[in-house]
mmCIF file of all heavy atoms, coordinates in Angstrom:
data_MODEL
# 
_entry.id   MODEL 
# 
loop_
_atom_site.group_PDB 
_atom_site.id 
_atom_site.type_symbol 
_atom_site.label_atom_id 
_atom_site.label_alt_id 
_atom_site.label_comp_id 
_atom_site.label_asym_id 
_atom_site.label_entity_id 
_atom_site.label_seq_id 
_atom_site.pdbx_PDB_ins_code 
_atom_site.Cartn_x 
_atom_site.Cartn_y 
_atom_site.Cartn_z 
_atom_site.occupancy 
_atom_site.B_iso_or_equiv 
_atom_site.pdbx_formal_charge 
_atom_site.auth_seq_id 
_atom_site.auth_comp_id 
_atom_site.auth_asym_id 
_atom_site.auth_atom_id 
_atom_site.pdbx_PDB_model_num 
ATOM 1   N N   . ARG A 1 1  ? -91.745 75.895 -17.632 1.00 0.00 ? 1  ARG A N   1 
ATOM 2   C CA  . ARG A 1 1  ? -90.771 74.924 -17.119 1.00 0.00 ? 1  ARG A CA  1 
ATOM 3   C C   . ARG A 1 1  ? -90.461 75.214 -15.656 1.00 0.00 ? 1  ARG A C   1 
ATOM 4   O O   . ARG A 1 1  ? -90.672 76.327 -15.163 1.00 0.00 ? 1  ARG A O   1 
ATOM 5   C CB  . ARG A 1 1  ? -89.499 74.957 -17.950 1.00 0.00 ? 1  ARG A CB  1 
ATOM 6   C CG  . ARG A 1 1  ? -89.768 74.756 -19.444 1.00 0.00 ? 1  ARG A CG  1 
ATOM 7   C CD  . ARG A 1 1  ? -88.518 74.435 -20.186 1.00 0.00 ? 1  ARG A CD  1 
ATOM 8   N NE  . ARG A 1 1  ? -88.673 74.603 -21.618 1.00 0.00 ? 1  ARG A NE  1 
ATOM 9   C CZ  . ARG A 1 1  ? -88.315 73.699 -22.523 1.00 0.00 ? 1  ARG A CZ  1 
ATOM 10  N NH1 . ARG A 1 1  ? -87.813 72.540 -22.130 1.00 0.00 ? 1  ARG A NH1 1 
ATOM 11  N NH2 . ARG A 1 1  ? -88.465 73.925 -23.809 1.00 0.00 ? 1  ARG A NH2 1 
ATOM 12  N N   . GLU A 1 2  ? -89.950 74.204 -14.978 1.00 0.00 ? 2  GLU A N   1 
ATOM 13  C CA  . GLU A 1 2  ? -89.522 74.338 -13.593 1.00 0.00 ? 2  GLU A CA  1 
ATOM 14  C C   . GLU A 1 2  ? -88.000 74.271 -13.561 1.00 0.00 ? 2  GLU A C   1 
ATOM 15  O O   . GLU A 1 2  ? -87.412 73.315 -14.084 1.00 0.00 ? 2  GLU A O   1 
ATOM 16  C CB  . GLU A 1 2  ? -90.113 73.214 -12.732 1.00 0.00 ? 2  GLU A CB  1 
ATOM 17  C CG  . GLU A 1 2  ? -91.629 73.221 -12.712 1.00 0.00 ? 2  GLU A CG  1 
ATOM 18  C CD  . GLU A 1 2  ? -92.223 72.043 -11.972 1.00 0.00 ? 2  GLU A CD  1 
ATOM 19  O OE1 . GLU A 1 2  ? -91.562 70.980 -11.935 1.00 0.00 ? 2  GLU A OE1 1 
ATOM 20  O OE2 . GLU A 1 2  ? -93.337 72.172 -11.444 1.00 0.00 ? 2  GLU A OE2 1 
ATOM 21  N N   . VAL A 1 3  ? -87.357 75.284 -12.978 1.00 0.00 ? 3  VAL A N   1 
ATOM 22  C CA  . VAL A 1 3  ? -85.896 75.332 -13.005 1.00 0.00 ? 3  VAL A CA  1 
ATOM 23  C C   . VAL A 1 3  ? -85.328 75.580 -11.615 1.00 0.00 ? 3  VAL A C   1 
ATOM 24  O O   . VAL A 1 3  ? -85.906 76.302 -10.805 1.00 0.00 ? 3  VAL A O   1 
ATOM 25  C CB  . VAL A 1 3  ? -85.381 76.421 -13.975 1.00 0.00 ? 3  VAL A CB  1 
ATOM 26  C CG1 . VAL A 1 3  ? -85.685 76.032 -15.415 1.00 0.00 ? 3  VAL A CG1 1 
ATOM 27  C CG2 . VAL A 1 3  ? -85.993 77.771 -13.657 1.00 0.00 ? 3  VAL A CG2 1 
ATOM 28  N N   . ILE A 1 4  ? -84.211 74.956 -11.359 1.00 0.00 ? 4  ILE A N   1 
ATOM 29  C CA  . ILE A 1 4  ? -83.457 75.125 -10.121 1.00 0.00 ? 4  ILE A CA  1 
ATOM 30  C C   . ILE A 1 4  ? -82.033 75.521 -10.490 1.00 0.00 ? 4  ILE A C   1 
ATOM 31  O O   . ILE A 1 4  ? -81.436 74.926 -11.401 1.00 0.00 ? 4  ILE A O   1 
ATOM 32  C CB  . ILE A 1 4  ? -83.430 73.825 -9.302  1.00 0.00 ? 4  ILE A CB  1 
ATOM 33  C CG1 . ILE A 1 4  ? -84.832 73.472 -8.795  1.00 0.00 ? 4  ILE A CG1 1 
ATOM 34  C CG2 . ILE A 1 4  ? -82.466 73.929 -8.123  1.00 0.00 ? 4  ILE A CG2 1 
ATOM 35  C CD1 . ILE A 1 4  ? -84.913 72.129 -8.093  1.00 0.00 ? 4  ILE A CD1 1 
ATOM 36  N N   . MET A 1 5  ? -81.489 76.511 -9.818  1.00 0.00 ? 5  MET A N   1 
ATOM 37  C CA  . MET A 1 5  ? -80.112 76.931 -10.048 1.00 0.00 ? 5  MET A CA  1 
ATOM 38  C C   . MET A 1 5  ? -79.231 76.461 -8.899  1.00 0.00 ? 5  MET A C   1 
ATOM 39  O O   . MET A 1 5  ? -79.502 76.782 -7.733  1.00 0.00 ? 5  MET A O   1 
ATOM 40  C CB  . MET A 1 5  ? -80.029 78.453 -10.186 1.00 0.00 ? 5  MET A CB  1 
ATOM 41  C CG  . MET A 1 5  ? -78.606 79.005 -10.252 1.00 0.00 ? 5  MET A CG  1 
ATOM 42  S SD  . MET A 1 5  ? -77.698 78.427 -11.711 1.00 0.00 ? 5  MET A SD  1 
ATOM 43  C CE  . MET A 1 5  ? -78.069 79.709 -12.910 1.00 0.00 ? 5  MET A CE  1 
ATOM 44  N N   . VAL A 1 6  ? -78.223 75.678 -9.206  1.00 0.00 ? 6  VAL A N   1 
ATOM 45  C CA  . VAL A 1 6  ? -77.208 75.295 -8.224  1.00 0.00 ? 6  VAL A CA  1 
ATOM 46  C C   . VAL A 1 6  ? -75.972 76.132 -8.539  1.00 0.00 ? 6  VAL A C   1 
ATOM 47  O O   . VAL A 1 6  ? -75.350 75.955 -9.581  1.00 0.00 ? 6  VAL A O   1 
ATOM 48  C CB  . VAL A 1 6  ? -76.880 73.790 -8.293  1.00 0.00 ? 6  VAL A CB  1 
ATOM 49  C CG1 . VAL A 1 6  ? -75.752 73.442 -7.335  1.00 0.00 ? 6  VAL A CG1 1 
ATOM 50  C CG2 . VAL A 1 6  ? -78.120 72.963 -7.977  1.00 0.00 ? 6  VAL A CG2 1 
ATOM 51  N N   . SER A 1 7  ? -75.657 77.053 -7.655  1.00 0.00 ? 7  SER A N   1 
ATOM 52  C CA  . SER A 1 7  ? -74.600 78.023 -7.947  1.00 0.00 ? 7  SER A CA  1 
ATOM 53  C C   . SER A 1 7  ? -73.439 77.929 -6.968  1.00 0.00 ? 7  SER A C   1 
ATOM 54  O O   . SER A 1 7  ? -73.617 78.018 -5.758  1.00 0.00 ? 7  SER A O   1 
ATOM 55  C CB  . SER A 1 7  ? -75.170 79.444 -7.907  1.00 0.00 ? 7  SER A CB  1 
ATOM 56  O OG  . SER A 1 7  ? -74.150 80.390 -8.151  1.00 0.00 ? 7  SER A OG  1 
ATOM 57  N N   . SER A 1 8  ? -72.264 77.768 -7.515  1.00 0.00 ? 8  SER A N   1 
ATOM 58  C CA  . SER A 1 8  ? -71.038 77.928 -6.738  1.00 0.00 ? 8  SER A CA  1 
ATOM 59  C C   . SER A 1 8  ? -70.776 79.420 -6.574  1.00 0.00 ? 8  SER A C   1 
ATOM 60  O O   . SER A 1 8  ? -71.520 80.255 -7.068  1.00 0.00 ? 8  SER A O   1 
ATOM 61  C CB  . SER A 1 8  ? -69.874 77.246 -7.454  1.00 0.00 ? 8  SER A CB  1 
ATOM 62  O OG  . SER A 1 8  ? -70.124 75.872 -7.640  1.00 0.00 ? 8  SER A OG  1 
ATOM 63  N N   . GLY A 1 9  ? -69.698 79.758 -5.896  1.00 0.00 ? 9  GLY A N   1 
ATOM 64  C CA  . GLY A 1 9  ? -69.260 81.144 -5.857  1.00 0.00 ? 9  GLY A CA  1 
ATOM 65  C C   . GLY A 1 9  ? -69.186 81.786 -4.500  1.00 0.00 ? 9  GLY A C   1 
ATOM 66  O O   . GLY A 1 9  ? -68.571 82.849 -4.366  1.00 0.00 ? 9  GLY A O   1 
ATOM 67  N N   . ALA A 1 10 ? -69.779 81.181 -3.461  1.00 0.00 ? 10 ALA A N   1 
ATOM 68  C CA  . ALA A 1 10 ? -69.778 81.833 -2.150  1.00 0.00 ? 10 ALA A CA  1 
ATOM 69  C C   . ALA A 1 10 ? -68.367 81.967 -1.596  1.00 0.00 ? 10 ALA A C   1 
ATOM 70  O O   . ALA A 1 10 ? -67.960 83.045 -1.140  1.00 0.00 ? 10 ALA A O   1 
ATOM 71  C CB  . ALA A 1 10 ? -70.663 81.065 -1.179  1.00 0.00 ? 10 ALA A CB  1 
ATOM 72  N N   . ILE A 1 11 ? -67.601 80.882 -1.624  1.00 0.00 ? 11 ILE A N   1 
ATOM 73  C CA  . ILE A 1 11 ? -66.245 80.944 -1.082  1.00 0.00 ? 11 ILE A CA  1 
ATOM 74  C C   . ILE A 1 11 ? -65.378 81.876 -1.914  1.00 0.00 ? 11 ILE A C   1 
ATOM 75  O O   . ILE A 1 11 ? -64.619 82.698 -1.382  1.00 0.00 ? 11 ILE A O   1 
ATOM 76  C CB  . ILE A 1 11 ? -65.630 79.536 -1.002  1.00 0.00 ? 11 ILE A CB  1 
ATOM 77  C CG1 . ILE A 1 11 ? -66.340 78.713 0.084   1.00 0.00 ? 11 ILE A CG1 1 
ATOM 78  C CG2 . ILE A 1 11 ? -64.127 79.606 -0.710  1.00 0.00 ? 11 ILE A CG2 1 
ATOM 79  C CD1 . ILE A 1 11 ? -65.825 77.297 0.230   1.00 0.00 ? 11 ILE A CD1 1 
ATOM 80  N N   . ALA A 1 12 ? -65.498 81.757 -3.241  1.00 0.00 ? 12 ALA A N   1 
ATOM 81  C CA  . ALA A 1 12 ? -64.687 82.608 -4.120  1.00 0.00 ? 12 ALA A CA  1 
ATOM 82  C C   . ALA A 1 12 ? -65.005 84.087 -3.898  1.00 0.00 ? 12 ALA A C   1 
ATOM 83  O O   . ALA A 1 12 ? -64.108 84.931 -3.850  1.00 0.00 ? 12 ALA A O   1 
ATOM 84  C CB  . ALA A 1 12 ? -64.917 82.220 -5.579  1.00 0.00 ? 12 ALA A CB  1 
ATOM 85  N N   . GLU A 1 13 ? -66.288 84.420 -3.755  1.00 0.00 ? 13 GLU A N   1 
ATOM 86  C CA  . GLU A 1 13 ? -66.672 85.810 -3.507  1.00 0.00 ? 13 GLU A CA  1 
ATOM 87  C C   . GLU A 1 13 ? -66.207 86.261 -2.130  1.00 0.00 ? 13 GLU A C   1 
ATOM 88  O O   . GLU A 1 13 ? -65.742 87.396 -1.957  1.00 0.00 ? 13 GLU A O   1 
ATOM 89  C CB  . GLU A 1 13 ? -68.192 85.968 -3.626  1.00 0.00 ? 13 GLU A CB  1 
ATOM 90  C CG  . GLU A 1 13 ? -68.749 87.302 -3.166  1.00 0.00 ? 13 GLU A CG  1 
ATOM 91  C CD  . GLU A 1 13 ? -68.271 88.492 -3.987  1.00 0.00 ? 13 GLU A CD  1 
ATOM 92  O OE1 . GLU A 1 13 ? -67.633 88.292 -5.046  1.00 0.00 ? 13 GLU A OE1 1 
ATOM 93  O OE2 . GLU A 1 13 ? -68.556 89.642 -3.579  1.00 0.00 ? 13 GLU A OE2 1 
ATOM 94  N N   . GLY A 1 14 ? -66.287 85.363 -1.150  1.00 0.00 ? 14 GLY A N   1 
ATOM 95  C CA  . GLY A 1 14 ? -65.793 85.700 0.185   1.00 0.00 ? 14 GLY A CA  1 
ATOM 96  C C   . GLY A 1 14 ? -64.300 85.962 0.186   1.00 0.00 ? 14 GLY A C   1 
ATOM 97  O O   . GLY A 1 14 ? -63.818 86.890 0.859   1.00 0.00 ? 14 GLY A O   1 
ATOM 98  N N   . MET A 1 15 ? -63.545 85.155 -0.574  1.00 0.00 ? 15 MET A N   1 
ATOM 99  C CA  . MET A 1 15 ? -62.102 85.368 -0.692  1.00 0.00 ? 15 MET A CA  1 
ATOM 100 C C   . MET A 1 15 ? -61.818 86.759 -1.248  1.00 0.00 ? 15 MET A C   1 
ATOM 101 O O   . MET A 1 15 ? -60.931 87.466 -0.762  1.00 0.00 ? 15 MET A O   1 
ATOM 102 C CB  . MET A 1 15 ? -61.495 84.300 -1.608  1.00 0.00 ? 15 MET A CB  1 
ATOM 103 C CG  . MET A 1 15 ? -61.400 82.912 -0.999  1.00 0.00 ? 15 MET A CG  1 
ATOM 104 S SD  . MET A 1 15 ? -60.981 81.649 -2.248  1.00 0.00 ? 15 MET A SD  1 
ATOM 105 C CE  . MET A 1 15 ? -59.507 82.360 -2.994  1.00 0.00 ? 15 MET A CE  1 
ATOM 106 N N   . LYS A 1 16 ? -62.572 87.157 -2.253  1.00 0.00 ? 16 LYS A N   1 
ATOM 107 C CA  . LYS A 1 16 ? -62.373 88.457 -2.879  1.00 0.00 ? 16 LYS A CA  1 
ATOM 108 C C   . LYS A 1 16 ? -62.688 89.570 -1.882  1.00 0.00 ? 16 LYS A C   1 
ATOM 109 O O   . LYS A 1 16 ? -61.928 90.543 -1.741  1.00 0.00 ? 16 LYS A O   1 
ATOM 110 C CB  . LYS A 1 16 ? -63.249 88.572 -4.115  1.00 0.00 ? 16 LYS A CB  1 
ATOM 111 C CG  . LYS A 1 16 ? -62.995 89.830 -4.931  1.00 0.00 ? 16 LYS A CG  1 
ATOM 112 C CD  . LYS A 1 16 ? -64.092 90.838 -4.720  1.00 0.00 ? 16 LYS A CD  1 
ATOM 113 C CE  . LYS A 1 16 ? -63.890 92.055 -5.627  1.00 0.00 ? 16 LYS A CE  1 
ATOM 114 N NZ  . LYS A 1 16 ? -64.928 93.102 -5.399  1.00 0.00 ? 16 LYS A NZ  1 
ATOM 115 N N   . ARG A 1 17 ? -63.779 89.451 -1.156  1.00 0.00 ? 17 ARG A N   1 
ATOM 116 C CA  . ARG A 1 17 ? -64.169 90.471 -0.193  1.00 0.00 ? 17 ARG A CA  1 
ATOM 117 C C   . ARG A 1 17 ? -63.185 90.563 0.969   1.00 0.00 ? 17 ARG A C   1 
ATOM 118 O O   . ARG A 1 17 ? -63.003 91.634 1.547   1.00 0.00 ? 17 ARG A O   1 
ATOM 119 C CB  . ARG A 1 17 ? -65.573 90.175 0.331   1.00 0.00 ? 17 ARG A CB  1 
ATOM 120 C CG  . ARG A 1 17 ? -66.662 90.343 -0.706  1.00 0.00 ? 17 ARG A CG  1 
ATOM 121 C CD  . ARG A 1 17 ? -68.050 90.194 -0.100  1.00 0.00 ? 17 ARG A CD  1 
ATOM 122 N NE  . ARG A 1 17 ? -69.090 90.491 -1.093  1.00 0.00 ? 17 ARG A NE  1 
ATOM 123 C CZ  . ARG A 1 17 ? -70.302 90.912 -0.799  1.00 0.00 ? 17 ARG A CZ  1 
ATOM 124 N NH1 . ARG A 1 17 ? -70.661 91.099 0.476   1.00 0.00 ? 17 ARG A NH1 1 
ATOM 125 N NH2 . ARG A 1 17 ? -71.181 91.152 -1.753  1.00 0.00 ? 17 ARG A NH2 1 
ATOM 126 N N   . LEU A 1 18 ? -62.565 89.425 1.302   1.00 0.00 ? 18 LEU A N   1 
ATOM 127 C CA  . LEU A 1 18 ? -61.600 89.407 2.402   1.00 0.00 ? 18 LEU A CA  1 
ATOM 128 C C   . LEU A 1 18 ? -60.175 89.723 1.942   1.00 0.00 ? 18 LEU A C   1 
ATOM 129 O O   . LEU A 1 18 ? -59.258 89.806 2.765   1.00 0.00 ? 18 LEU A O   1 
ATOM 130 C CB  . LEU A 1 18 ? -61.622 88.030 3.090   1.00 0.00 ? 18 LEU A CB  1 
ATOM 131 C CG  . LEU A 1 18 ? -62.918 87.703 3.856   1.00 0.00 ? 18 LEU A CG  1 
ATOM 132 C CD1 . LEU A 1 18 ? -62.950 86.221 4.235   1.00 0.00 ? 18 LEU A CD1 1 
ATOM 133 C CD2 . LEU A 1 18 ? -63.035 88.571 5.099   1.00 0.00 ? 18 LEU A CD2 1 
ATOM 134 N N   . GLY A 1 19 ? -59.977 89.871 0.650   1.00 0.00 ? 19 GLY A N   1 
ATOM 135 C CA  . GLY A 1 19 ? -58.660 90.209 0.122   1.00 0.00 ? 19 GLY A CA  1 
ATOM 136 C C   . GLY A 1 19 ? -57.716 89.032 0.027   1.00 0.00 ? 19 GLY A C   1 
ATOM 137 O O   . GLY A 1 19 ? -56.501 89.217 -0.050  1.00 0.00 ? 19 GLY A O   1 
ATOM 138 N N   . TRP A 1 20 ? -58.260 87.801 0.002   1.00 0.00 ? 20 TRP A N   1 
ATOM 139 C CA  . TRP A 1 20 ? -57.415 86.607 -0.094  1.00 0.00 ? 20 TRP A CA  1 
ATOM 140 C C   . TRP A 1 20 ? -57.221 86.240 -1.558  1.00 0.00 ? 20 TRP A C   1 
ATOM 141 O O   . TRP A 1 20 ? -58.183 86.187 -2.331  1.00 0.00 ? 20 TRP A O   1 
ATOM 142 C CB  . TRP A 1 20 ? -58.055 85.430 0.627   1.00 0.00 ? 20 TRP A CB  1 
ATOM 143 C CG  . TRP A 1 20 ? -58.245 85.655 2.110   1.00 0.00 ? 20 TRP A CG  1 
ATOM 144 C CD1 . TRP A 1 20 ? -57.719 86.657 2.872   1.00 0.00 ? 20 TRP A CD1 1 
ATOM 145 C CD2 . TRP A 1 20 ? -59.044 84.874 2.987   1.00 0.00 ? 20 TRP A CD2 1 
ATOM 146 N NE1 . TRP A 1 20 ? -58.113 86.538 4.177   1.00 0.00 ? 20 TRP A NE1 1 
ATOM 147 C CE2 . TRP A 1 20 ? -58.933 85.445 4.287   1.00 0.00 ? 20 TRP A CE2 1 
ATOM 148 C CE3 . TRP A 1 20 ? -59.839 83.735 2.842   1.00 0.00 ? 20 TRP A CE3 1 
ATOM 149 C CZ2 . TRP A 1 20 ? -59.577 84.927 5.392   1.00 0.00 ? 20 TRP A CZ2 1 
ATOM 150 C CZ3 . TRP A 1 20 ? -60.487 83.211 3.935   1.00 0.00 ? 20 TRP A CZ3 1 
ATOM 151 C CH2 . TRP A 1 20 ? -60.356 83.788 5.200   1.00 0.00 ? 20 TRP A CH2 1 
ATOM 152 N N   . THR A 1 21 ? -55.988 85.951 -1.957  1.00 0.00 ? 21 THR A N   1 
ATOM 153 C CA  . THR A 1 21 ? -55.694 85.618 -3.349  1.00 0.00 ? 21 THR A CA  1 
ATOM 154 C C   . THR A 1 21 ? -55.580 84.122 -3.594  1.00 0.00 ? 21 THR A C   1 
ATOM 155 O O   . THR A 1 21 ? -55.638 83.670 -4.728  1.00 0.00 ? 21 THR A O   1 
ATOM 156 C CB  . THR A 1 21 ? -54.383 86.293 -3.797  1.00 0.00 ? 21 THR A CB  1 
ATOM 157 O OG1 . THR A 1 21 ? -53.322 85.904 -2.904  1.00 0.00 ? 21 THR A OG1 1 
ATOM 158 C CG2 . THR A 1 21 ? -54.538 87.806 -3.783  1.00 0.00 ? 21 THR A CG2 1 
ATOM 159 N N   . THR A 1 22 ? -55.392 83.347 -2.538  1.00 0.00 ? 22 THR A N   1 
ATOM 160 C CA  . THR A 1 22 ? -55.318 81.893 -2.679  1.00 0.00 ? 22 THR A CA  1 
ATOM 161 C C   . THR A 1 22 ? -56.356 81.247 -1.769  1.00 0.00 ? 22 THR A C   1 
ATOM 162 O O   . THR A 1 22 ? -56.639 81.752 -0.674  1.00 0.00 ? 22 THR A O   1 
ATOM 163 C CB  . THR A 1 22 ? -53.924 81.351 -2.321  1.00 0.00 ? 22 THR A CB  1 
ATOM 164 O OG1 . THR A 1 22 ? -53.588 81.745 -0.978  1.00 0.00 ? 22 THR A OG1 1 
ATOM 165 C CG2 . THR A 1 22 ? -52.876 81.893 -3.280  1.00 0.00 ? 22 THR A CG2 1 
ATOM 166 N N   . ARG A 1 23 ? -56.911 80.155 -2.224  1.00 0.00 ? 23 ARG A N   1 
ATOM 167 C CA  . ARG A 1 23 ? -57.943 79.448 -1.461  1.00 0.00 ? 23 ARG A CA  1 
ATOM 168 C C   . ARG A 1 23 ? -57.336 78.880 -0.183  1.00 0.00 ? 23 ARG A C   1 
ATOM 169 O O   . ARG A 1 23 ? -56.341 78.154 -0.230  1.00 0.00 ? 23 ARG A O   1 
ATOM 170 C CB  . ARG A 1 23 ? -58.530 78.323 -2.306  1.00 0.00 ? 23 ARG A CB  1 
ATOM 171 C CG  . ARG A 1 23 ? -59.689 77.575 -1.636  1.00 0.00 ? 23 ARG A CG  1 
ATOM 172 C CD  . ARG A 1 23 ? -60.130 76.417 -2.512  1.00 0.00 ? 23 ARG A CD  1 
ATOM 173 N NE  . ARG A 1 23 ? -61.172 75.625 -1.874  1.00 0.00 ? 23 ARG A NE  1 
ATOM 174 C CZ  . ARG A 1 23 ? -62.474 75.756 -2.101  1.00 0.00 ? 23 ARG A CZ  1 
ATOM 175 N NH1 . ARG A 1 23 ? -62.895 76.660 -2.961  1.00 0.00 ? 23 ARG A NH1 1 
ATOM 176 N NH2 . ARG A 1 23 ? -63.353 75.001 -1.491  1.00 0.00 ? 23 ARG A NH2 1 
ATOM 177 N N   . PRO A 1 24 ? -57.902 79.193 0.982   1.00 0.00 ? 24 PRO A N   1 
ATOM 178 C CA  . PRO A 1 24 ? -57.349 78.682 2.242   1.00 0.00 ? 24 PRO A CA  1 
ATOM 179 C C   . PRO A 1 24 ? -57.591 77.186 2.384   1.00 0.00 ? 24 PRO A C   1 
ATOM 180 O O   . PRO A 1 24 ? -58.491 76.626 1.750   1.00 0.00 ? 24 PRO A O   1 
ATOM 181 C CB  . PRO A 1 24 ? -58.114 79.469 3.306   1.00 0.00 ? 24 PRO A CB  1 
ATOM 182 C CG  . PRO A 1 24 ? -59.404 79.839 2.649   1.00 0.00 ? 24 PRO A CG  1 
ATOM 183 C CD  . PRO A 1 24 ? -59.076 80.048 1.197   1.00 0.00 ? 24 PRO A CD  1 
ATOM 184 N N   . LYS A 1 25 ? -56.795 76.548 3.234   1.00 0.00 ? 25 LYS A N   1 
ATOM 185 C CA  . LYS A 1 25 ? -56.949 75.123 3.482   1.00 0.00 ? 25 LYS A CA  1 
ATOM 186 C C   . LYS A 1 25 ? -57.678 74.857 4.802   1.00 0.00 ? 25 LYS A C   1 
ATOM 187 O O   . LYS A 1 25 ? -58.338 73.842 4.960   1.00 0.00 ? 25 LYS A O   1 
ATOM 188 C CB  . LYS A 1 25 ? -55.578 74.439 3.507   1.00 0.00 ? 25 LYS A CB  1 
ATOM 189 C CG  . LYS A 1 25 ? -54.843 74.480 2.172   1.00 0.00 ? 25 LYS A CG  1 
ATOM 190 C CD  . LYS A 1 25 ? -53.604 73.625 2.224   1.00 0.00 ? 25 LYS A CD  1 
ATOM 191 C CE  . LYS A 1 25 ? -52.759 73.617 0.976   1.00 0.00 ? 25 LYS A CE  1 
ATOM 192 N NZ  . LYS A 1 25 ? -53.339 73.990 -0.259  1.00 0.00 ? 25 LYS A NZ  1 
ATOM 193 N N   . ALA A 1 26 ? -57.545 75.754 5.760   1.00 0.00 ? 26 ALA A N   1 
ATOM 194 C CA  . ALA A 1 26 ? -58.168 75.563 7.071   1.00 0.00 ? 26 ALA A CA  1 
ATOM 195 C C   . ALA A 1 26 ? -59.687 75.637 6.939   1.00 0.00 ? 26 ALA A C   1 
ATOM 196 O O   . ALA A 1 26 ? -60.225 76.549 6.312   1.00 0.00 ? 26 ALA A O   1 
ATOM 197 C CB  . ALA A 1 26 ? -57.674 76.620 8.054   1.00 0.00 ? 26 ALA A CB  1 
ATOM 198 N N   . ILE A 1 27 ? -60.382 74.674 7.557   1.00 0.00 ? 27 ILE A N   1 
ATOM 199 C CA  . ILE A 1 27 ? -61.828 74.594 7.419   1.00 0.00 ? 27 ILE A CA  1 
ATOM 200 C C   . ILE A 1 27 ? -62.520 75.840 7.958   1.00 0.00 ? 27 ILE A C   1 
ATOM 201 O O   . ILE A 1 27 ? -63.487 76.333 7.365   1.00 0.00 ? 27 ILE A O   1 
ATOM 202 C CB  . ILE A 1 27 ? -62.364 73.313 8.101   1.00 0.00 ? 27 ILE A CB  1 
ATOM 203 C CG1 . ILE A 1 27 ? -63.864 73.146 7.824   1.00 0.00 ? 27 ILE A CG1 1 
ATOM 204 C CG2 . ILE A 1 27 ? -62.093 73.331 9.596   1.00 0.00 ? 27 ILE A CG2 1 
ATOM 205 C CD1 . ILE A 1 27 ? -64.188 72.792 6.422   1.00 0.00 ? 27 ILE A CD1 1 
# 
């Protein structure tokens, strides 16, 4: 079979690495 993975998580992982507990609003 041919499979493609579309994965979220970059922003959430970045928040964790940066120590942010709430999702920022500023672009």
